[in-house]
Amino acid sequence: MYTLYYSQGACSVATQVVLNELKQTFTLLDANKQDNFKTINPIGAVPVLNDGENNLTEGAAILLYLLDKHPNTLLASQGLERQKAIQDIMFANATMHPAYGRLFFISQHIQDETVKQQALESAAAEINRLWQVIENELAQQNALGSQYLGGKSPSPADIMLTVYASWGVYFPVDIELGVNSKRMLEGVQNMPSYQSVLAAESALSSDSHT
């Protein structure tokens, strides 16, 4: 059984969704409530997955570890299909995730409201450019009768991107999503495995306030 250190609404959501898709049981521990979390992960970031022996870090690496370990249809086992799926995972993790991360950094570290808003809008413009890349790729998939980067069913990258897209509401900027991107996000959000993660995190949050 796994233990997953998480923060509500963070990129650890994607790890939980994949664990659910793989039918793996796991215990959730809120990283913010751990007195010694930086001894678990020195950079203080989630997710961290304990597999019974090791603490594994970095969300994309954790997903690849799980997908290689457990039989699934989320990631092809070989060939160009596998390479494409990994490429999409890396785009989500190394390109889209940092773009959203700039919004959080700007919001936390720039005090002047005018300068902050200008910086947020510049960061949002880059996010919109990246979403246009996704929109164009999804349009190609749509032409083939599919709505996800992974084809007819969500891929790990679709799940990751859906988590990141949920962060846009925290900032006073316009994140522009095309029709294909919105359709993809809605499909992932409606996955039972995704809904169960939101319910579990909400329940744990409610318990902590009682």
N, C-alpha and C. Protein backbone atom coordinates (compact mmCIF):
# COMPACT_ATOMS: atom_id res chain seq x y z
N MET A 1 0.84 -1.19 0.00
CA MET A 1 0.00 0.00 0.00
C MET A 1 0.88 1.25 0.00
N TYR A 2 0.40 2.27 -0.66
CA TYR A 2 1.15 3.51 -0.78
C TYR A 2 0.69 4.55 0.25
N THR A 3 1.61 5.47 0.54
CA THR A 3 1.28 6.66 1.31
C THR A 3 1.62 7.86 0.45
N LEU A 4 0.66 8.76 0.29
CA LEU A 4 0.86 9.94 -0.56
C LEU A 4 0.75 11.20 0.27
N TYR A 5 1.80 12.00 0.25
CA TYR A 5 1.77 13.32 0.86
C TYR A 5 1.24 14.30 -0.17
N TYR A 6 0.24 15.09 0.22
CA TYR A 6 -0.46 15.95 -0.72
C TYR A 6 -0.72 17.32 -0.11
N SER A 7 -1.11 18.27 -0.96
CA SER A 7 -1.72 19.53 -0.55
C SER A 7 -3.00 19.68 -1.35
N GLN A 8 -4.03 20.19 -0.74
CA GLN A 8 -5.33 20.26 -1.41
C GLN A 8 -5.25 21.08 -2.69
N GLY A 9 -5.71 20.49 -3.79
CA GLY A 9 -5.77 21.17 -5.07
C GLY A 9 -4.45 21.28 -5.79
N ALA A 10 -3.37 20.77 -5.21
CA ALA A 10 -2.04 20.87 -5.81
C ALA A 10 -1.85 19.79 -6.88
N CYS A 11 -0.65 19.75 -7.47
CA CYS A 11 -0.41 18.80 -8.53
C CYS A 11 -0.45 17.35 -8.04
N SER A 12 -0.48 17.16 -6.71
CA SER A 12 -0.66 15.82 -6.16
C SER A 12 -2.03 15.25 -6.51
N VAL A 13 -2.97 16.10 -6.95
CA VAL A 13 -4.27 15.60 -7.42
C VAL A 13 -4.07 14.60 -8.56
N ALA A 14 -3.18 14.92 -9.49
CA ALA A 14 -2.95 14.03 -10.64
C ALA A 14 -2.45 12.67 -10.19
N THR A 15 -1.57 12.65 -9.18
CA THR A 15 -1.07 11.38 -8.66
C THR A 15 -2.21 10.55 -8.09
N GLN A 16 -3.10 11.20 -7.36
CA GLN A 16 -4.24 10.49 -6.78
C GLN A 16 -5.15 9.92 -7.86
N VAL A 17 -5.40 10.70 -8.90
CA VAL A 17 -6.27 10.23 -9.98
C VAL A 17 -5.67 8.98 -10.62
N VAL A 18 -4.37 9.02 -10.89
CA VAL A 18 -3.71 7.87 -11.52
C VAL A 18 -3.72 6.67 -10.58
N LEU A 19 -3.48 6.88 -9.30
CA LEU A 19 -3.58 5.76 -8.34
C LEU A 19 -4.98 5.15 -8.36
N ASN A 20 -6.00 5.99 -8.44
CA ASN A 20 -7.37 5.49 -8.52
C ASN A 20 -7.58 4.70 -9.81
N GLU A 21 -7.08 5.22 -10.92
CA GLU A 21 -7.22 4.53 -12.20
C GLU A 21 -6.52 3.17 -12.18
N LEU A 22 -5.43 3.09 -11.42
CA LEU A 22 -4.67 1.84 -11.32
C LEU A 22 -5.24 0.90 -10.26
N LYS A 23 -6.31 1.34 -9.58
CA LYS A 23 -6.97 0.54 -8.54
C LYS A 23 -6.01 0.23 -7.38
N GLN A 24 -5.19 1.22 -7.04
CA GLN A 24 -4.25 1.07 -5.94
C GLN A 24 -4.77 1.77 -4.69
N THR A 25 -4.64 1.10 -3.56
CA THR A 25 -5.04 1.71 -2.30
C THR A 25 -3.89 2.58 -1.79
N PHE A 26 -4.25 3.68 -1.13
CA PHE A 26 -3.22 4.57 -0.61
C PHE A 26 -3.78 5.38 0.54
N THR A 27 -2.88 5.81 1.41
CA THR A 27 -3.22 6.68 2.52
C THR A 27 -2.79 8.09 2.19
N LEU A 28 -3.67 9.06 2.46
CA LEU A 28 -3.36 10.46 2.20
C LEU A 28 -2.88 11.14 3.48
N LEU A 29 -1.78 11.85 3.38
CA LEU A 29 -1.27 12.65 4.48
C LEU A 29 -1.05 14.07 3.99
N ASP A 30 -1.62 15.04 4.69
CA ASP A 30 -1.48 16.44 4.32
C ASP A 30 -0.06 16.92 4.65
N ALA A 31 0.68 17.30 3.61
CA ALA A 31 2.07 17.74 3.83
C ALA A 31 2.15 18.94 4.75
N ASN A 32 1.12 19.78 4.73
CA ASN A 32 1.13 21.00 5.54
C ASN A 32 0.97 20.72 7.02
N LYS A 33 0.59 19.49 7.36
CA LYS A 33 0.39 19.13 8.76
C LYS A 33 1.50 18.24 9.31
N GLN A 34 2.58 18.10 8.52
CA GLN A 34 3.70 17.28 8.94
C GLN A 34 4.78 18.17 9.53
N ASP A 35 5.14 17.92 10.78
CA ASP A 35 6.17 18.73 11.43
C ASP A 35 7.53 18.57 10.76
N ASN A 36 7.74 17.42 10.14
CA ASN A 36 9.06 17.12 9.60
C ASN A 36 9.03 16.94 8.08
N PHE A 37 8.11 17.63 7.38
CA PHE A 37 7.95 17.32 5.96
C PHE A 37 9.22 17.57 5.16
N LYS A 38 10.01 18.58 5.53
CA LYS A 38 11.24 18.85 4.75
C LYS A 38 12.32 17.80 4.99
N THR A 39 12.14 16.95 5.97
CA THR A 39 13.03 15.80 6.08
C THR A 39 12.56 14.69 5.14
N ILE A 40 11.30 14.76 4.73
CA ILE A 40 10.75 13.80 3.77
C ILE A 40 11.08 14.24 2.35
N ASN A 41 10.88 15.53 2.08
CA ASN A 41 11.27 16.12 0.80
C ASN A 41 11.90 17.48 1.09
N PRO A 42 13.21 17.60 0.95
CA PRO A 42 13.91 18.84 1.34
C PRO A 42 13.39 20.11 0.66
N ILE A 43 12.81 20.00 -0.55
CA ILE A 43 12.30 21.21 -1.19
C ILE A 43 10.88 21.54 -0.75
N GLY A 44 10.27 20.66 0.03
CA GLY A 44 8.96 20.95 0.60
C GLY A 44 7.80 20.86 -0.36
N ALA A 45 7.99 20.20 -1.49
CA ALA A 45 6.95 20.15 -2.53
C ALA A 45 6.23 18.81 -2.51
N VAL A 46 4.97 18.85 -2.94
CA VAL A 46 4.19 17.63 -3.16
C VAL A 46 4.05 17.42 -4.68
N PRO A 47 3.78 16.18 -5.07
CA PRO A 47 3.55 14.99 -4.24
C PRO A 47 4.85 14.33 -3.79
N VAL A 48 4.73 13.58 -2.71
CA VAL A 48 5.74 12.60 -2.30
C VAL A 48 5.00 11.29 -2.11
N LEU A 49 5.49 10.24 -2.73
CA LEU A 49 4.86 8.93 -2.64
C LEU A 49 5.80 7.96 -1.94
N ASN A 50 5.33 7.38 -0.83
CA ASN A 50 6.09 6.33 -0.18
C ASN A 50 5.53 4.99 -0.64
N ASP A 51 6.42 4.15 -1.17
CA ASP A 51 5.99 2.86 -1.70
C ASP A 51 6.21 1.72 -0.71
N GLY A 52 6.43 2.09 0.55
CA GLY A 52 6.70 1.09 1.57
C GLY A 52 8.16 1.02 1.94
N GLU A 53 9.02 1.49 1.04
CA GLU A 53 10.46 1.47 1.29
C GLU A 53 11.11 2.82 1.00
N ASN A 54 10.61 3.51 -0.01
CA ASN A 54 11.26 4.73 -0.47
C ASN A 54 10.27 5.88 -0.57
N ASN A 55 10.77 7.09 -0.35
CA ASN A 55 9.99 8.30 -0.62
C ASN A 55 10.35 8.79 -2.03
N LEU A 56 9.37 8.74 -2.91
CA LEU A 56 9.56 9.14 -4.30
C LEU A 56 9.05 10.56 -4.49
N THR A 57 9.79 11.39 -5.22
CA THR A 57 9.42 12.79 -5.44
C THR A 57 9.33 13.09 -6.92
N GLU A 58 8.84 14.30 -7.22
CA GLU A 58 8.65 14.82 -8.58
C GLU A 58 7.45 14.12 -9.23
N GLY A 59 6.39 14.91 -9.44
CA GLY A 59 5.12 14.35 -9.90
C GLY A 59 5.21 13.52 -11.16
N ALA A 60 5.89 14.02 -12.20
CA ALA A 60 5.98 13.29 -13.46
C ALA A 60 6.72 11.98 -13.27
N ALA A 61 7.80 12.00 -12.49
CA ALA A 61 8.58 10.79 -12.25
C ALA A 61 7.75 9.76 -11.47
N ILE A 62 6.96 10.24 -10.51
CA ILE A 62 6.09 9.34 -9.75
C ILE A 62 5.07 8.68 -10.67
N LEU A 63 4.46 9.47 -11.56
CA LEU A 63 3.47 8.90 -12.48
C LEU A 63 4.10 7.83 -13.37
N LEU A 64 5.28 8.09 -13.90
CA LEU A 64 5.94 7.11 -14.76
C LEU A 64 6.29 5.85 -13.98
N TYR A 65 6.71 6.01 -12.74
CA TYR A 65 7.00 4.86 -11.88
C TYR A 65 5.75 3.99 -11.69
N LEU A 66 4.64 4.63 -11.37
CA LEU A 66 3.39 3.89 -11.15
C LEU A 66 2.90 3.22 -12.42
N LEU A 67 2.98 3.95 -13.53
CA LEU A 67 2.47 3.42 -14.79
C LEU A 67 3.33 2.29 -15.33
N ASP A 68 4.61 2.29 -15.01
CA ASP A 68 5.48 1.18 -15.40
C ASP A 68 5.31 -0.02 -14.47
N LYS A 69 4.90 0.25 -13.25
CA LYS A 69 4.81 -0.83 -12.25
C LYS A 69 3.51 -1.60 -12.34
N HIS A 70 2.40 -0.91 -12.67
CA HIS A 70 1.08 -1.53 -12.63
C HIS A 70 0.47 -1.59 -14.04
N PRO A 71 -0.12 -2.71 -14.41
CA PRO A 71 -0.76 -2.82 -15.73
C PRO A 71 -1.83 -1.75 -15.91
N ASN A 72 -1.85 -1.13 -17.10
CA ASN A 72 -2.80 -0.05 -17.34
C ASN A 72 -2.92 0.23 -18.82
N THR A 73 -3.91 1.05 -19.15
CA THR A 73 -4.10 1.51 -20.54
C THR A 73 -3.78 3.00 -20.67
N LEU A 74 -3.27 3.61 -19.61
CA LEU A 74 -2.96 5.04 -19.65
C LEU A 74 -1.67 5.33 -20.40
N LEU A 75 -0.73 4.39 -20.39
CA LEU A 75 0.58 4.59 -21.02
C LEU A 75 0.97 3.35 -21.80
N ALA A 76 1.20 3.54 -23.09
CA ALA A 76 1.62 2.42 -23.94
C ALA A 76 2.94 1.86 -23.44
N SER A 77 3.17 0.58 -23.68
CA SER A 77 4.36 -0.09 -23.16
C SER A 77 5.58 0.11 -24.04
N GLN A 78 5.38 0.53 -25.29
CA GLN A 78 6.52 0.66 -26.19
C GLN A 78 6.16 1.50 -27.41
N GLY A 79 7.17 1.79 -28.20
CA GLY A 79 6.96 2.43 -29.50
C GLY A 79 6.67 3.92 -29.44
N LEU A 80 6.27 4.45 -30.59
CA LEU A 80 6.02 5.88 -30.72
C LEU A 80 4.85 6.35 -29.88
N GLU A 81 3.87 5.48 -29.67
CA GLU A 81 2.72 5.84 -28.83
C GLU A 81 3.17 6.13 -27.41
N ARG A 82 4.08 5.30 -26.89
CA ARG A 82 4.63 5.53 -25.56
C ARG A 82 5.45 6.82 -25.54
N GLN A 83 6.28 7.00 -26.56
CA GLN A 83 7.11 8.19 -26.62
C GLN A 83 6.26 9.46 -26.64
N LYS A 84 5.17 9.43 -27.42
CA LYS A 84 4.28 10.59 -27.50
C LYS A 84 3.65 10.87 -26.13
N ALA A 85 3.22 9.83 -25.44
CA ALA A 85 2.60 10.01 -24.13
C ALA A 85 3.59 10.61 -23.13
N ILE A 86 4.83 10.13 -23.15
CA ILE A 86 5.85 10.67 -22.26
C ILE A 86 6.17 12.11 -22.63
N GLN A 87 6.23 12.39 -23.92
CA GLN A 87 6.46 13.76 -24.38
C GLN A 87 5.37 14.69 -23.86
N ASP A 88 4.13 14.25 -23.90
CA ASP A 88 3.01 15.06 -23.40
C ASP A 88 3.11 15.26 -21.89
N ILE A 89 3.51 14.21 -21.17
CA ILE A 89 3.70 14.33 -19.72
C ILE A 89 4.77 15.37 -19.41
N MET A 90 5.86 15.35 -20.16
CA MET A 90 6.95 16.29 -19.91
C MET A 90 6.55 17.71 -20.29
N PHE A 91 5.75 17.86 -21.33
CA PHE A 91 5.25 19.19 -21.67
C PHE A 91 4.41 19.74 -20.52
N ALA A 92 3.52 18.90 -20.01
CA ALA A 92 2.67 19.34 -18.90
C ALA A 92 3.52 19.69 -17.68
N ASN A 93 4.47 18.83 -17.34
CA ASN A 93 5.26 19.01 -16.13
C ASN A 93 6.30 20.12 -16.24
N ALA A 94 7.02 20.16 -17.34
CA ALA A 94 8.18 21.04 -17.45
C ALA A 94 7.89 22.35 -18.16
N THR A 95 6.74 22.45 -18.85
CA THR A 95 6.43 23.66 -19.59
C THR A 95 5.18 24.35 -19.05
N MET A 96 4.06 23.62 -18.99
CA MET A 96 2.82 24.24 -18.52
C MET A 96 2.84 24.49 -17.01
N HIS A 97 3.30 23.54 -16.24
CA HIS A 97 3.32 23.70 -14.78
C HIS A 97 4.14 24.92 -14.35
N PRO A 98 5.37 25.11 -14.84
CA PRO A 98 6.11 26.31 -14.46
C PRO A 98 5.43 27.60 -14.90
N ALA A 99 4.72 27.56 -16.03
CA ALA A 99 4.02 28.77 -16.48
C ALA A 99 2.96 29.19 -15.47
N TYR A 100 2.20 28.23 -14.94
CA TYR A 100 1.25 28.54 -13.88
C TYR A 100 1.97 28.90 -12.59
N GLY A 101 3.11 28.26 -12.34
CA GLY A 101 3.87 28.55 -11.14
C GLY A 101 4.29 30.01 -11.05
N ARG A 102 4.52 30.64 -12.20
CA ARG A 102 4.89 32.07 -12.20
C ARG A 102 3.77 32.93 -11.63
N LEU A 103 2.53 32.53 -11.86
CA LEU A 103 1.41 33.29 -11.29
C LEU A 103 1.48 33.29 -9.77
N PHE A 104 1.74 32.13 -9.20
CA PHE A 104 1.85 32.05 -7.74
C PHE A 104 3.03 32.86 -7.24
N PHE A 105 4.17 32.77 -7.92
CA PHE A 105 5.35 33.50 -7.49
C PHE A 105 5.11 35.01 -7.53
N ILE A 106 4.54 35.48 -8.62
CA ILE A 106 4.26 36.92 -8.76
C ILE A 106 3.32 37.38 -7.67
N SER A 107 2.26 36.62 -7.45
CA SER A 107 1.26 37.00 -6.46
C SER A 107 1.85 37.09 -5.05
N GLN A 108 2.80 36.22 -4.75
CA GLN A 108 3.37 36.15 -3.41
C GLN A 108 4.51 37.14 -3.19
N HIS A 109 5.21 37.55 -4.26
CA HIS A 109 6.46 38.26 -4.06
C HIS A 109 6.48 39.69 -4.60
N ILE A 110 5.48 40.11 -5.34
CA ILE A 110 5.45 41.50 -5.81
C ILE A 110 4.40 42.25 -5.00
N GLN A 111 4.81 43.31 -4.35
CA GLN A 111 3.92 44.06 -3.47
C GLN A 111 3.16 45.17 -4.19
N ASP A 112 3.81 45.87 -5.10
CA ASP A 112 3.16 46.95 -5.84
C ASP A 112 2.04 46.38 -6.70
N GLU A 113 0.80 46.81 -6.46
CA GLU A 113 -0.35 46.20 -7.12
C GLU A 113 -0.34 46.42 -8.63
N THR A 114 0.10 47.59 -9.07
CA THR A 114 0.14 47.86 -10.51
C THR A 114 1.17 46.98 -11.19
N VAL A 115 2.34 46.92 -10.61
CA VAL A 115 3.41 46.07 -11.17
C VAL A 115 2.99 44.61 -11.11
N LYS A 116 2.36 44.22 -10.00
CA LYS A 116 1.91 42.83 -9.87
C LYS A 116 0.93 42.46 -10.98
N GLN A 117 -0.05 43.33 -11.23
CA GLN A 117 -1.05 43.03 -12.26
C GLN A 117 -0.41 42.93 -13.63
N GLN A 118 0.52 43.82 -13.93
CA GLN A 118 1.20 43.76 -15.22
C GLN A 118 1.98 42.46 -15.37
N ALA A 119 2.65 42.04 -14.29
CA ALA A 119 3.41 40.80 -14.34
C ALA A 119 2.49 39.59 -14.48
N LEU A 120 1.36 39.61 -13.77
CA LEU A 120 0.40 38.51 -13.88
C LEU A 120 -0.14 38.40 -15.31
N GLU A 121 -0.43 39.52 -15.92
CA GLU A 121 -0.96 39.50 -17.28
C GLU A 121 0.08 39.00 -18.27
N SER A 122 1.34 39.35 -18.05
CA SER A 122 2.40 38.83 -18.91
C SER A 122 2.53 37.32 -18.77
N ALA A 123 2.45 36.85 -17.53
CA ALA A 123 2.52 35.41 -17.29
C ALA A 123 1.33 34.70 -17.90
N ALA A 124 0.14 35.32 -17.80
CA ALA A 124 -1.07 34.72 -18.37
C ALA A 124 -0.98 34.64 -19.89
N ALA A 125 -0.34 35.63 -20.50
CA ALA A 125 -0.18 35.61 -21.95
C ALA A 125 0.62 34.40 -22.40
N GLU A 126 1.65 34.05 -21.63
CA GLU A 126 2.44 32.87 -21.95
C GLU A 126 1.62 31.60 -21.75
N ILE A 127 0.83 31.56 -20.69
CA ILE A 127 -0.05 30.40 -20.47
C ILE A 127 -1.02 30.25 -21.63
N ASN A 128 -1.59 31.37 -22.08
CA ASN A 128 -2.53 31.30 -23.20
C ASN A 128 -1.85 30.79 -24.46
N ARG A 129 -0.59 31.18 -24.66
CA ARG A 129 0.15 30.68 -25.83
C ARG A 129 0.32 29.16 -25.75
N LEU A 130 0.61 28.68 -24.55
CA LEU A 130 0.78 27.23 -24.38
C LEU A 130 -0.54 26.49 -24.56
N TRP A 131 -1.62 27.08 -24.08
CA TRP A 131 -2.92 26.44 -24.27
C TRP A 131 -3.30 26.40 -25.75
N GLN A 132 -2.84 27.36 -26.52
CA GLN A 132 -3.12 27.33 -27.96
C GLN A 132 -2.39 26.16 -28.61
N VAL A 133 -1.20 25.85 -28.11
CA VAL A 133 -0.48 24.67 -28.60
C VAL A 133 -1.30 23.42 -28.33
N ILE A 134 -1.82 23.31 -27.10
CA ILE A 134 -2.67 22.18 -26.75
C ILE A 134 -3.93 22.16 -27.60
N GLU A 135 -4.54 23.33 -27.80
CA GLU A 135 -5.76 23.43 -28.59
C GLU A 135 -5.53 22.91 -30.01
N ASN A 136 -4.41 23.27 -30.59
CA ASN A 136 -4.11 22.83 -31.96
C ASN A 136 -3.92 21.32 -32.01
N GLU A 137 -3.26 20.77 -31.01
CA GLU A 137 -3.05 19.32 -30.99
C GLU A 137 -4.37 18.58 -30.77
N LEU A 138 -5.20 19.12 -29.89
CA LEU A 138 -6.50 18.50 -29.66
C LEU A 138 -7.40 18.59 -30.89
N ALA A 139 -7.26 19.65 -31.66
CA ALA A 139 -8.03 19.77 -32.90
C ALA A 139 -7.67 18.64 -33.85
N GLN A 140 -6.39 18.28 -33.90
CA GLN A 140 -5.97 17.15 -34.73
C GLN A 140 -6.56 15.85 -34.22
N GLN A 141 -6.57 15.69 -32.90
CA GLN A 141 -7.18 14.49 -32.32
C GLN A 141 -8.67 14.46 -32.61
N ASN A 142 -9.31 15.63 -32.51
CA ASN A 142 -10.74 15.71 -32.75
C ASN A 142 -11.08 15.29 -34.17
N ALA A 143 -10.22 15.65 -35.10
CA ALA A 143 -10.44 15.26 -36.50
C ALA A 143 -10.39 13.75 -36.68
N LEU A 144 -9.73 13.07 -35.74
CA LEU A 144 -9.63 11.61 -35.77
C LEU A 144 -10.70 10.96 -34.90
N GLY A 145 -11.61 11.78 -34.35
CA GLY A 145 -12.69 11.26 -33.53
C GLY A 145 -12.34 11.11 -32.06
N SER A 146 -11.28 11.79 -31.61
CA SER A 146 -10.84 11.71 -30.22
C SER A 146 -10.85 13.09 -29.59
N GLN A 147 -10.96 13.15 -28.27
CA GLN A 147 -11.01 14.44 -27.60
C GLN A 147 -9.87 14.68 -26.61
N TYR A 148 -8.96 13.69 -26.51
CA TYR A 148 -7.87 13.82 -25.55
C TYR A 148 -6.52 13.74 -26.24
N LEU A 149 -5.49 14.23 -25.56
CA LEU A 149 -4.14 14.06 -26.07
C LEU A 149 -3.81 12.58 -26.21
N GLY A 150 -4.40 11.78 -25.33
CA GLY A 150 -4.16 10.34 -25.36
C GLY A 150 -5.05 9.58 -26.32
N GLY A 151 -5.88 10.29 -27.09
CA GLY A 151 -6.78 9.62 -28.02
C GLY A 151 -8.21 9.63 -27.53
N LYS A 152 -8.83 8.46 -27.48
CA LYS A 152 -10.25 8.38 -27.10
C LYS A 152 -10.45 8.37 -25.59
N SER A 153 -9.39 8.21 -24.83
CA SER A 153 -9.50 8.24 -23.36
C SER A 153 -8.38 9.12 -22.80
N PRO A 154 -8.58 9.67 -21.62
CA PRO A 154 -7.59 10.59 -21.05
C PRO A 154 -6.23 9.94 -20.83
N SER A 155 -5.21 10.71 -21.09
CA SER A 155 -3.83 10.29 -20.82
C SER A 155 -3.36 10.93 -19.52
N PRO A 156 -2.21 10.51 -18.99
CA PRO A 156 -1.67 11.19 -17.81
C PRO A 156 -1.52 12.69 -18.03
N ALA A 157 -1.11 13.10 -19.22
CA ALA A 157 -0.93 14.52 -19.50
C ALA A 157 -2.26 15.27 -19.46
N ASP A 158 -3.32 14.67 -19.97
CA ASP A 158 -4.64 15.30 -19.89
C ASP A 158 -5.02 15.54 -18.43
N ILE A 159 -4.74 14.57 -17.59
CA ILE A 159 -5.06 14.69 -16.16
C ILE A 159 -4.24 15.80 -15.53
N MET A 160 -2.95 15.82 -15.80
CA MET A 160 -2.07 16.85 -15.24
C MET A 160 -2.52 18.24 -15.68
N LEU A 161 -2.80 18.41 -16.96
CA LEU A 161 -3.21 19.71 -17.48
C LEU A 161 -4.53 20.17 -16.86
N THR A 162 -5.41 19.24 -16.57
CA THR A 162 -6.69 19.59 -15.95
C THR A 162 -6.46 20.15 -14.54
N VAL A 163 -5.54 19.55 -13.82
CA VAL A 163 -5.21 20.06 -12.48
C VAL A 163 -4.67 21.48 -12.59
N TYR A 164 -3.73 21.70 -13.50
CA TYR A 164 -3.13 23.04 -13.63
C TYR A 164 -4.18 24.07 -14.04
N ALA A 165 -5.07 23.69 -14.95
CA ALA A 165 -6.09 24.63 -15.42
C ALA A 165 -6.97 25.11 -14.28
N SER A 166 -7.15 24.29 -13.26
CA SER A 166 -8.02 24.67 -12.13
C SER A 166 -7.42 25.80 -11.31
N TRP A 167 -6.13 26.07 -11.48
CA TRP A 167 -5.47 27.11 -10.69
C TRP A 167 -5.74 28.52 -11.22
N GLY A 168 -6.20 28.64 -12.44
CA GLY A 168 -6.39 29.95 -13.04
C GLY A 168 -7.37 30.83 -12.29
N VAL A 169 -8.33 30.22 -11.61
CA VAL A 169 -9.37 31.00 -10.91
C VAL A 169 -8.80 31.80 -9.73
N TYR A 170 -7.59 31.49 -9.31
CA TYR A 170 -7.02 32.18 -8.16
C TYR A 170 -6.44 33.54 -8.50
N PHE A 171 -6.40 33.89 -9.79
CA PHE A 171 -5.70 35.10 -10.20
C PHE A 171 -6.58 35.99 -11.08
N PRO A 172 -6.40 37.32 -10.98
CA PRO A 172 -7.23 38.26 -11.76
C PRO A 172 -6.71 38.43 -13.18
N VAL A 173 -6.69 37.31 -13.92
CA VAL A 173 -6.25 37.33 -15.31
C VAL A 173 -7.20 36.48 -16.14
N ASP A 174 -7.13 36.63 -17.44
CA ASP A 174 -7.96 35.85 -18.35
C ASP A 174 -7.13 34.73 -18.95
N ILE A 175 -7.48 33.49 -18.59
CA ILE A 175 -6.87 32.32 -19.21
C ILE A 175 -7.81 31.86 -20.31
N GLU A 176 -7.33 31.89 -21.54
CA GLU A 176 -8.17 31.62 -22.71
C GLU A 176 -8.04 30.16 -23.13
N LEU A 177 -9.16 29.46 -23.11
CA LEU A 177 -9.19 28.06 -23.49
C LEU A 177 -10.08 27.88 -24.70
N GLY A 178 -9.58 27.15 -25.68
CA GLY A 178 -10.36 26.87 -26.87
C GLY A 178 -11.40 25.79 -26.63
N VAL A 179 -12.26 25.60 -27.60
CA VAL A 179 -13.37 24.66 -27.45
C VAL A 179 -12.87 23.23 -27.23
N ASN A 180 -11.80 22.85 -27.92
CA ASN A 180 -11.28 21.49 -27.75
C ASN A 180 -10.64 21.30 -26.37
N SER A 181 -9.97 22.34 -25.91
CA SER A 181 -9.36 22.27 -24.58
C SER A 181 -10.43 22.17 -23.50
N LYS A 182 -11.49 22.97 -23.64
CA LYS A 182 -12.59 22.92 -22.67
C LYS A 182 -13.24 21.54 -22.66
N ARG A 183 -13.40 20.95 -23.83
CA ARG A 183 -14.01 19.62 -23.91
C ARG A 183 -13.12 18.59 -23.23
N MET A 184 -11.82 18.69 -23.44
CA MET A 184 -10.89 17.77 -22.79
C MET A 184 -10.94 17.92 -21.28
N LEU A 185 -10.90 19.17 -20.81
CA LEU A 185 -10.92 19.41 -19.36
C LEU A 185 -12.21 18.89 -18.73
N GLU A 186 -13.32 19.13 -19.39
CA GLU A 186 -14.60 18.66 -18.86
C GLU A 186 -14.64 17.14 -18.78
N GLY A 187 -14.08 16.49 -19.80
CA GLY A 187 -14.06 15.03 -19.79
C GLY A 187 -13.25 14.47 -18.63
N VAL A 188 -12.09 15.08 -18.38
CA VAL A 188 -11.26 14.62 -17.26
C VAL A 188 -11.93 14.92 -15.93
N GLN A 189 -12.49 16.11 -15.79
CA GLN A 189 -13.15 16.49 -14.54
C GLN A 189 -14.31 15.56 -14.21
N ASN A 190 -14.94 14.99 -15.21
CA ASN A 190 -16.08 14.10 -15.00
C ASN A 190 -15.68 12.65 -14.76
N MET A 191 -14.38 12.34 -14.84
CA MET A 191 -13.93 10.98 -14.55
C MET A 191 -14.25 10.64 -13.09
N PRO A 192 -14.83 9.48 -12.81
CA PRO A 192 -15.09 9.10 -11.41
C PRO A 192 -13.83 9.17 -10.55
N SER A 193 -12.70 8.78 -11.11
CA SER A 193 -11.46 8.80 -10.34
C SER A 193 -11.04 10.22 -9.99
N TYR A 194 -11.37 11.19 -10.83
CA TYR A 194 -11.06 12.59 -10.55
C TYR A 194 -12.03 13.14 -9.51
N GLN A 195 -13.30 12.84 -9.69
CA GLN A 195 -14.31 13.32 -8.75
C GLN A 195 -14.06 12.77 -7.34
N SER A 196 -13.60 11.53 -7.26
CA SER A 196 -13.37 10.94 -5.94
C SER A 196 -12.20 11.61 -5.23
N VAL A 197 -11.22 12.09 -6.00
CA VAL A 197 -10.10 12.82 -5.39
C VAL A 197 -10.59 14.13 -4.79
N LEU A 198 -11.39 14.87 -5.56
CA LEU A 198 -11.92 16.14 -5.05
C LEU A 198 -12.76 15.91 -3.80
N ALA A 199 -13.56 14.86 -3.80
CA ALA A 199 -14.40 14.56 -2.64
C ALA A 199 -13.55 14.18 -1.43
N ALA A 200 -12.52 13.38 -1.66
CA ALA A 200 -11.66 12.94 -0.55
C ALA A 200 -10.92 14.12 0.06
N GLU A 201 -10.37 15.00 -0.80
CA GLU A 201 -9.65 16.16 -0.27
C GLU A 201 -10.59 17.12 0.45
N SER A 202 -11.80 17.29 -0.08
CA SER A 202 -12.77 18.16 0.57
C SER A 202 -13.16 17.62 1.94
N ALA A 203 -13.36 16.31 2.03
CA ALA A 203 -13.73 15.69 3.29
C ALA A 203 -12.62 15.83 4.32
N LEU A 204 -11.37 15.63 3.89
CA LEU A 204 -10.25 15.77 4.82
C LEU A 204 -10.09 17.21 5.28
N SER A 205 -10.35 18.15 4.36
CA SER A 205 -10.27 19.57 4.72
C SER A 205 -11.36 19.93 5.74
N SER A 206 -12.55 19.39 5.53
CA SER A 206 -13.66 19.65 6.46
C SER A 206 -13.37 19.08 7.83
N ASP A 207 -12.79 17.87 7.86
CA ASP A 207 -12.46 17.26 9.13
C ASP A 207 -11.45 18.06 9.92
N SER A 208 -10.53 18.70 9.18
CA SER A 208 -9.47 19.46 9.86
C SER A 208 -9.98 20.74 10.48
N HIS A 209 -11.19 21.17 10.07
CA HIS A 209 -11.75 22.41 10.59
C HIS A 209 -12.83 22.17 11.64
N THR A 210 -13.04 20.90 11.98
CA THR A 210 -14.06 20.58 12.98
C THR A 210 -13.43 20.30 14.34
